[in-house]
Amino acid sequence: MRLPVLTDEEMTPAQQEVAARIAGRRGAVRGPFRAWLHSPEMCERAESLGAFARFDCSLPKHLRELSLLMAARNWDAQYSWNAHVHQAIEAGVPEAAVKAVAEKREAVFDSEADQVFYQFCREVLEEHFVTDETFAAAHEHFGSKGLVDTIGALGNFTMLGMCLNTFQVDLQADKEPPFPDIRGYGRTAPAPADGQEEG
């Protein structure tokens, strides 16, 4: 990691307090929190938003996990992807859809609601705007609260990816690189275009 990992002895009382809360909720202080702890006020607020997006927002668990994977892929955030890909599949995101997101291909879902959610997130992340048609379909399925929660989740997971990549938070040593065009913290080749296989 580009920033020093703070030991208990090096932490201020404010940092120790935030670290203890994070460890109590998440089991340990790992990943992005090691960077965010350098600003305990930022860390506390980021952890609170992240906990809401992951555990408490109105979206079903598999869609919370899907939004995390989509934001992680958008930012090439391998740490985040590696930490959640199995959770996403266990929560009900189809493996074929996960593979498509990793390879930047169109993902297909059996559920109409899941397909609409995917399209909504994809437009936000890739186009930065949402068409009227997609918005209306997503609003019909998820309502105003659901869409606000979706944007909050995507924003949180985007900030997470930016943090992981900027500070080069150590990747999990036991994981294969998940994206065909990314190694370490650099791009090796352009991602394949939609509908095209690498070869």
C-alpha atoms as a PDB file:
ATOM      1  CA  MET A   1       0.000   0.000   0.000  1.00  0.00           C
ATOM      2  CA  ARG A   2       1.209   3.498  -0.802  1.00  0.00           C
ATOM      3  CA  LEU A   3       0.315   4.806   2.665  1.00  0.00           C
ATOM      4  CA  PRO A   4       1.813   3.382   5.846  1.00  0.00           C
ATOM      5  CA  VAL A   5      -0.393   0.897   7.687  1.00  0.00           C
ATOM      6  CA  LEU A   6      -0.933   2.418  11.117  1.00  0.00           C
ATOM      7  CA  THR A   7      -0.190   0.318  14.185  1.00  0.00           C
ATOM      8  CA  ASP A   8      -2.241   0.682  17.362  1.00  0.00           C
ATOM      9  CA  GLU A   9       0.648   2.591  18.925  1.00  0.00           C
ATOM     10  CA  GLU A  10       0.783   5.050  16.026  1.00  0.00           C
ATOM     11  CA  MET A  11      -2.941   5.798  16.022  1.00  0.00           C
ATOM     12  CA  THR A  12      -4.468   8.813  17.692  1.00  0.00           C
ATOM     13  CA  PRO A  13      -7.317   8.177  20.143  1.00  0.00           C
ATOM     14  CA  ALA A  14      -9.792   9.138  17.393  1.00  0.00           C
ATOM     15  CA  GLN A  15      -8.221   6.638  14.991  1.00  0.00           C
ATOM     16  CA  GLN A  16      -8.229   3.913  17.654  1.00  0.00           C
ATOM     17  CA  GLU A  17     -11.911   4.519  18.372  1.00  0.00           C
ATOM     18  CA  VAL A  18     -12.898   4.314  14.699  1.00  0.00           C
ATOM     19  CA  ALA A  19     -10.699   1.254  14.145  1.00  0.00           C
ATOM     20  CA  ALA A  20     -12.304  -0.534  17.090  1.00  0.00           C
ATOM     21  CA  ARG A  21     -15.798   0.150  15.716  1.00  0.00           C
ATOM     22  CA  ILE A  22     -14.834  -1.106  12.261  1.00  0.00           C
ATOM     23  CA  ALA A  23     -13.235  -4.258  13.674  1.00  0.00           C
ATOM     24  CA  GLY A  24     -16.329  -4.867  15.797  1.00  0.00           C
ATOM     25  CA  ARG A  25     -18.669  -4.634  12.813  1.00  0.00           C
ATOM     26  CA  ARG A  26     -16.462  -6.172  10.100  1.00  0.00           C
ATOM     27  CA  GLY A  27     -14.160  -8.499  12.024  1.00  0.00           C
ATOM     28  CA  ALA A  28     -10.944  -6.577  11.293  1.00  0.00           C
ATOM     29  CA  VAL A  29      -9.585  -3.346   9.861  1.00  0.00           C
ATOM     30  CA  ARG A  30      -8.580  -4.324   6.348  1.00  0.00           C
ATOM     31  CA  GLY A  31      -8.548  -3.134   2.766  1.00  0.00           C
ATOM     32  CA  PRO A  32      -9.631   0.473   2.195  1.00  0.00           C
ATOM     33  CA  PHE A  33     -10.075   1.201   5.892  1.00  0.00           C
ATOM     34  CA  ARG A  34      -6.304   1.012   6.342  1.00  0.00           C
ATOM     35  CA  ALA A  35      -6.051   3.990   4.004  1.00  0.00           C
ATOM     36  CA  TRP A  36      -9.113   5.859   5.245  1.00  0.00           C
ATOM     37  CA  LEU A  37      -7.898   5.654   8.873  1.00  0.00           C
ATOM     38  CA  HIS A  38      -5.349   8.344   8.023  1.00  0.00           C
ATOM     39  CA  SER A  39      -8.387  10.654   8.166  1.00  0.00           C
ATOM     40  CA  PRO A  40     -10.518   9.209  10.974  1.00  0.00           C
ATOM     41  CA  GLU A  41     -13.388  11.598  10.283  1.00  0.00           C
ATOM     42  CA  MET A  42     -13.501  10.522   6.642  1.00  0.00           C
ATOM     43  CA  CYS A  43     -13.102   6.892   7.642  1.00  0.00           C
ATOM     44  CA  GLU A  44     -16.009   7.045  10.065  1.00  0.00           C
ATOM     45  CA  ARG A  45     -18.340   8.553   7.477  1.00  0.00           C
ATOM     46  CA  ALA A  46     -17.187   6.262   4.673  1.00  0.00           C
ATOM     47  CA  GLU A  47     -17.677   3.210   6.892  1.00  0.00           C
ATOM     48  CA  SER A  48     -21.151   4.346   7.867  1.00  0.00           C
ATOM     49  CA  LEU A  49     -22.234   4.891   4.251  1.00  0.00           C
ATOM     50  CA  GLY A  50     -20.621   1.617   3.199  1.00  0.00           C
ATOM     51  CA  ALA A  51     -22.386  -0.298   5.942  1.00  0.00           C
ATOM     52  CA  PHE A  52     -25.726   1.182   4.873  1.00  0.00           C
ATOM     53  CA  ALA A  53     -25.100   0.376   1.201  1.00  0.00           C
ATOM     54  CA  ARG A  54     -24.017  -3.190   1.926  1.00  0.00           C
ATOM     55  CA  PHE A  55     -26.273  -4.215   4.801  1.00  0.00           C
ATOM     56  CA  ASP A  56     -29.200  -1.863   5.345  1.00  0.00           C
ATOM     57  CA  CYS A  57     -30.411  -0.239   2.130  1.00  0.00           C
ATOM     58  CA  SER A  58     -33.713  -1.199   0.519  1.00  0.00           C
ATOM     59  CA  LEU A  59     -32.191  -3.252  -2.321  1.00  0.00           C
ATOM     60  CA  PRO A  60     -32.186  -7.051  -2.070  1.00  0.00           C
ATOM     61  CA  LYS A  61     -28.817  -8.515  -1.177  1.00  0.00           C
ATOM     62  CA  HIS A  62     -28.005  -9.878  -4.631  1.00  0.00           C
ATOM     63  CA  LEU A  63     -28.550  -6.450  -6.189  1.00  0.00           C
ATOM     64  CA  ARG A  64     -26.428  -4.749  -3.533  1.00  0.00           C
ATOM     65  CA  GLU A  65     -23.660  -7.181  -4.416  1.00  0.00           C
ATOM     66  CA  LEU A  66     -24.231  -6.717  -8.161  1.00  0.00           C
ATOM     67  CA  SER A  67     -23.956  -2.933  -7.826  1.00  0.00           C
ATOM     68  CA  LEU A  68     -20.689  -3.404  -5.939  1.00  0.00           C
ATOM     69  CA  LEU A  69     -19.267  -5.642  -8.672  1.00  0.00           C
ATOM     70  CA  MET A  70     -20.348  -3.251 -11.410  1.00  0.00           C
ATOM     71  CA  ALA A  71     -18.740  -0.269  -9.679  1.00  0.00           C
ATOM     72  CA  ALA A  72     -15.624  -2.328  -8.949  1.00  0.00           C
ATOM     73  CA  ARG A  73     -15.319  -3.287 -12.617  1.00  0.00           C
ATOM     74  CA  ASN A  74     -15.976   0.267 -13.746  1.00  0.00           C
ATOM     75  CA  TRP A  75     -12.998   1.352 -11.634  1.00  0.00           C
ATOM     76  CA  ASP A  76     -10.932  -1.826 -12.226  1.00  0.00           C
ATOM     77  CA  ALA A  77     -10.886  -2.285  -8.450  1.00  0.00           C
ATOM     78  CA  GLN A  78      -9.598  -5.834  -8.133  1.00  0.00           C
ATOM     79  CA  TYR A  79      -9.482  -5.890  -4.343  1.00  0.00           C
ATOM     80  CA  SER A  80     -13.163  -5.017  -4.083  1.00  0.00           C
ATOM     81  CA  TRP A  81     -14.113  -7.532  -6.780  1.00  0.00           C
ATOM     82  CA  ASN A  82     -12.075 -10.323  -5.173  1.00  0.00           C
ATOM     83  CA  ALA A  83     -13.624  -9.627  -1.782  1.00  0.00           C
ATOM     84  CA  HIS A  84     -17.195  -9.828  -3.083  1.00  0.00           C
ATOM     85  CA  VAL A  85     -17.428 -11.995  -6.181  1.00  0.00           C
ATOM     86  CA  HIS A  86     -18.241 -15.181  -4.250  1.00  0.00           C
ATOM     87  CA  GLN A  87     -20.681 -13.324  -1.999  1.00  0.00           C
ATOM     88  CA  ALA A  88     -22.472 -12.030  -5.088  1.00  0.00           C
ATOM     89  CA  ILE A  89     -22.817 -15.518  -6.553  1.00  0.00           C
ATOM     90  CA  GLU A  90     -23.946 -16.950  -3.215  1.00  0.00           C
ATOM     91  CA  ALA A  91     -26.534 -14.157  -2.973  1.00  0.00           C
ATOM     92  CA  GLY A  92     -27.989 -15.148  -6.346  1.00  0.00           C
ATOM     93  CA  VAL A  93     -26.153 -13.223  -9.075  1.00  0.00           C
ATOM     94  CA  PRO A  94     -25.701 -15.746 -11.925  1.00  0.00           C
ATOM     95  CA  GLU A  95     -22.094 -16.787 -12.552  1.00  0.00           C
ATOM     96  CA  ALA A  96     -22.501 -16.103 -16.273  1.00  0.00           C
ATOM     97  CA  ALA A  97     -23.558 -12.533 -15.507  1.00  0.00           C
ATOM     98  CA  VAL A  98     -20.597 -12.075 -13.156  1.00  0.00           C
ATOM     99  CA  LYS A  99     -18.236 -13.317 -15.880  1.00  0.00           C
ATOM    100  CA  ALA A 100     -19.824 -10.949 -18.404  1.00  0.00           C
ATOM    101  CA  VAL A 101     -19.350  -7.971 -16.079  1.00  0.00           C
ATOM    102  CA  ALA A 102     -15.695  -8.945 -15.506  1.00  0.00           C
ATOM    103  CA  GLU A 103     -15.139  -9.163 -19.273  1.00  0.00           C
ATOM    104  CA  LYS A 104     -17.133  -5.988 -20.013  1.00  0.00           C
ATOM    105  CA  ARG A 105     -19.740  -7.865 -22.032  1.00  0.00           C
ATOM    106  CA  GLU A 106     -23.522  -7.516 -21.856  1.00  0.00           C
ATOM    107  CA  ALA A 107     -24.871  -9.470 -18.884  1.00  0.00           C
ATOM    108  CA  VAL A 108     -28.190 -11.290 -19.203  1.00  0.00           C
ATOM    109  CA  PHE A 109     -30.541 -12.060 -16.298  1.00  0.00           C
ATOM    110  CA  ASP A 110     -33.619 -14.286 -16.124  1.00  0.00           C
ATOM    111  CA  SER A 111     -35.402 -11.803 -13.877  1.00  0.00           C
ATOM    112  CA  GLU A 112     -36.812  -8.702 -15.576  1.00  0.00           C
ATOM    113  CA  ALA A 113     -36.196  -6.652 -12.432  1.00  0.00           C
ATOM    114  CA  ASP A 114     -32.548  -7.748 -12.301  1.00  0.00           C
ATOM    115  CA  GLN A 115     -32.078  -6.936 -16.000  1.00  0.00           C
ATOM    116  CA  VAL A 116     -33.571  -3.474 -15.492  1.00  0.00           C
ATOM    117  CA  PHE A 117     -31.374  -2.909 -12.438  1.00  0.00           C
ATOM    118  CA  TYR A 118     -28.284  -3.952 -14.381  1.00  0.00           C
ATOM    119  CA  GLN A 119     -29.175  -1.625 -17.260  1.00  0.00           C
ATOM    120  CA  PHE A 120     -29.832   1.270 -14.882  1.00  0.00           C
ATOM    121  CA  CYS A 121     -26.460   0.815 -13.161  1.00  0.00           C
ATOM    122  CA  ARG A 122     -24.669   0.342 -16.448  1.00  0.00           C
ATOM    123  CA  GLU A 123     -26.041   3.581 -17.880  1.00  0.00           C
ATOM    124  CA  VAL A 124     -25.127   5.511 -14.718  1.00  0.00           C
ATOM    125  CA  LEU A 125     -21.574   4.159 -14.647  1.00  0.00           C
ATOM    126  CA  GLU A 126     -20.759   4.130 -18.348  1.00  0.00           C
ATOM    127  CA  GLU A 127     -22.916   6.869 -19.849  1.00  0.00           C
ATOM    128  CA  HIS A 128     -23.226   9.099 -16.746  1.00  0.00           C
ATOM    129  CA  PHE A 129     -26.899   9.594 -17.625  1.00  0.00           C
ATOM    130  CA  VAL A 130     -29.989   7.379 -17.570  1.00  0.00           C
ATOM    131  CA  THR A 131     -32.468   7.284 -20.442  1.00  0.00           C
ATOM    132  CA  ASP A 132     -36.115   8.055 -19.744  1.00  0.00           C
ATOM    133  CA  GLU A 133     -37.054   4.504 -20.733  1.00  0.00           C
ATOM    134  CA  THR A 134     -34.567   2.887 -18.358  1.00  0.00           C
ATOM    135  CA  PHE A 135     -35.447   5.269 -15.546  1.00  0.00           C
ATOM    136  CA  ALA A 136     -39.175   4.569 -15.896  1.00  0.00           C
ATOM    137  CA  ALA A 137     -38.623   0.800 -15.896  1.00  0.00           C
ATOM    138  CA  ALA A 138     -36.295   0.967 -12.882  1.00  0.00           C
ATOM    139  CA  HIS A 139     -38.680   3.254 -11.003  1.00  0.00           C
ATOM    140  CA  GLU A 140     -41.540   0.841 -11.636  1.00  0.00           C
ATOM    141  CA  HIS A 141     -39.558  -2.033 -10.146  1.00  0.00           C
ATOM    142  CA  PHE A 142     -37.735  -0.302  -7.291  1.00  0.00           C
ATOM    143  CA  GLY A 143     -39.574   2.937  -6.539  1.00  0.00           C
ATOM    144  CA  SER A 144     -38.080   6.263  -5.531  1.00  0.00           C
ATOM    145  CA  LYS A 145     -36.392   4.921  -2.397  1.00  0.00           C
ATOM    146  CA  GLY A 146     -34.853   2.028  -4.278  1.00  0.00           C
ATOM    147  CA  LEU A 147     -33.367   4.278  -6.948  1.00  0.00           C
ATOM    148  CA  VAL A 148     -31.984   6.730  -4.403  1.00  0.00           C
ATOM    149  CA  ASP A 149     -30.445   3.793  -2.524  1.00  0.00           C
ATOM    150  CA  THR A 150     -29.008   2.477  -5.797  1.00  0.00           C
ATOM    151  CA  ILE A 151     -27.280   5.771  -6.534  1.00  0.00           C
ATOM    152  CA  GLY A 152     -25.992   5.899  -2.957  1.00  0.00           C
ATOM    153  CA  ALA A 153     -24.612   2.373  -3.288  1.00  0.00           C
ATOM    154  CA  LEU A 154     -22.975   3.053  -6.649  1.00  0.00           C
ATOM    155  CA  GLY A 155     -21.470   6.273  -5.291  1.00  0.00           C
ATOM    156  CA  ASN A 156     -20.122   4.512  -2.228  1.00  0.00           C
ATOM    157  CA  PHE A 157     -18.675   1.629  -4.216  1.00  0.00           C
ATOM    158  CA  THR A 158     -17.156   4.091  -6.704  1.00  0.00           C
ATOM    159  CA  MET A 159     -15.419   5.941  -3.865  1.00  0.00           C
ATOM    160  CA  LEU A 160     -14.229   2.554  -2.616  1.00  0.00           C
ATOM    161  CA  GLY A 161     -12.688   1.691  -5.984  1.00  0.00           C
ATOM    162  CA  MET A 162     -10.993   5.072  -6.224  1.00  0.00           C
ATOM    163  CA  CYS A 163      -9.499   4.608  -2.756  1.00  0.00           C
ATOM    164  CA  LEU A 164      -8.272   1.066  -3.428  1.00  0.00           C
ATOM    165  CA  ASN A 165      -6.587   1.992  -6.692  1.00  0.00           C
ATOM    166  CA  THR A 166      -5.134   5.368  -5.706  1.00  0.00           C
ATOM    167  CA  PHE A 167      -3.520   4.052  -2.549  1.00  0.00           C
ATOM    168  CA  GLN A 168      -2.734   0.668  -4.115  1.00  0.00           C
ATOM    169  CA  VAL A 169      -4.275  -1.289  -1.267  1.00  0.00           C
ATOM    170  CA  ASP A 170      -2.576  -4.686  -1.331  1.00  0.00           C
ATOM    171  CA  LEU A 171      -4.391  -7.244  -3.475  1.00  0.00           C
ATOM    172  CA  GLN A 172      -5.270 -10.591  -1.949  1.00  0.00           C
ATOM    173  CA  ALA A 173      -2.275 -12.844  -2.607  1.00  0.00           C
ATOM    174  CA  ASP A 174      -4.374 -15.990  -3.056  1.00  0.00           C
ATOM    175  CA  LYS A 175      -6.678 -14.574  -5.765  1.00  0.00           C
ATOM    176  CA  GLU A 176      -6.352 -14.695  -9.532  1.00  0.00           C
ATOM    177  CA  PRO A 177      -6.523 -11.303 -11.292  1.00  0.00           C
ATOM    178  CA  PRO A 178     -10.233 -10.998 -12.160  1.00  0.00           C
ATOM    179  CA  PHE A 179     -10.078  -8.716 -15.197  1.00  0.00           C
ATOM    180  CA  PRO A 180      -8.441  -9.677 -18.508  1.00  0.00           C
ATOM    181  CA  ASP A 181      -7.094  -6.171 -19.126  1.00  0.00           C
ATOM    182  CA  ILE A 182      -5.720  -5.319 -15.665  1.00  0.00           C
ATOM    183  CA  ARG A 183      -2.644  -6.567 -13.824  1.00  0.00           C
ATOM    184  CA  GLY A 184      -1.594  -5.108 -10.510  1.00  0.00           C
ATOM    185  CA  TYR A 185      -2.508  -1.443 -10.698  1.00  0.00           C
ATOM    186  CA  GLY A 186      -2.131  -0.944 -14.420  1.00  0.00           C
ATOM    187  CA  ARG A 187      -3.887  -1.607 -17.692  1.00  0.00           C
ATOM    188  CA  THR A 188      -2.274  -4.235 -19.921  1.00  0.00           C
ATOM    189  CA  ALA A 189      -4.636  -4.186 -22.904  1.00  0.00           C
ATOM    190  CA  PRO A 190      -7.970  -2.725 -23.909  1.00  0.00           C
ATOM    191  CA  ALA A 191     -10.978  -4.627 -22.620  1.00  0.00           C
ATOM    192  CA  PRO A 192     -12.759  -6.615 -25.360  1.00  0.00           C
ATOM    193  CA  ALA A 193     -15.621  -4.809 -27.039  1.00  0.00           C
ATOM    194  CA  ASP A 194     -19.170  -5.929 -26.332  1.00  0.00           C
ATOM    195  CA  GLY A 195     -19.924  -9.293 -27.850  1.00  0.00           C
ATOM    196  CA  GLN A 196     -16.295 -10.041 -28.710  1.00  0.00           C
ATOM    197  CA  GLU A 197     -14.166 -12.690 -27.105  1.00  0.00           C
ATOM    198  CA  GLU A 198     -10.499 -12.146 -26.395  1.00  0.00           C
ATOM    199  CA  GLY A 199      -8.344 -14.284 -28.638  1.00  0.00           C
END
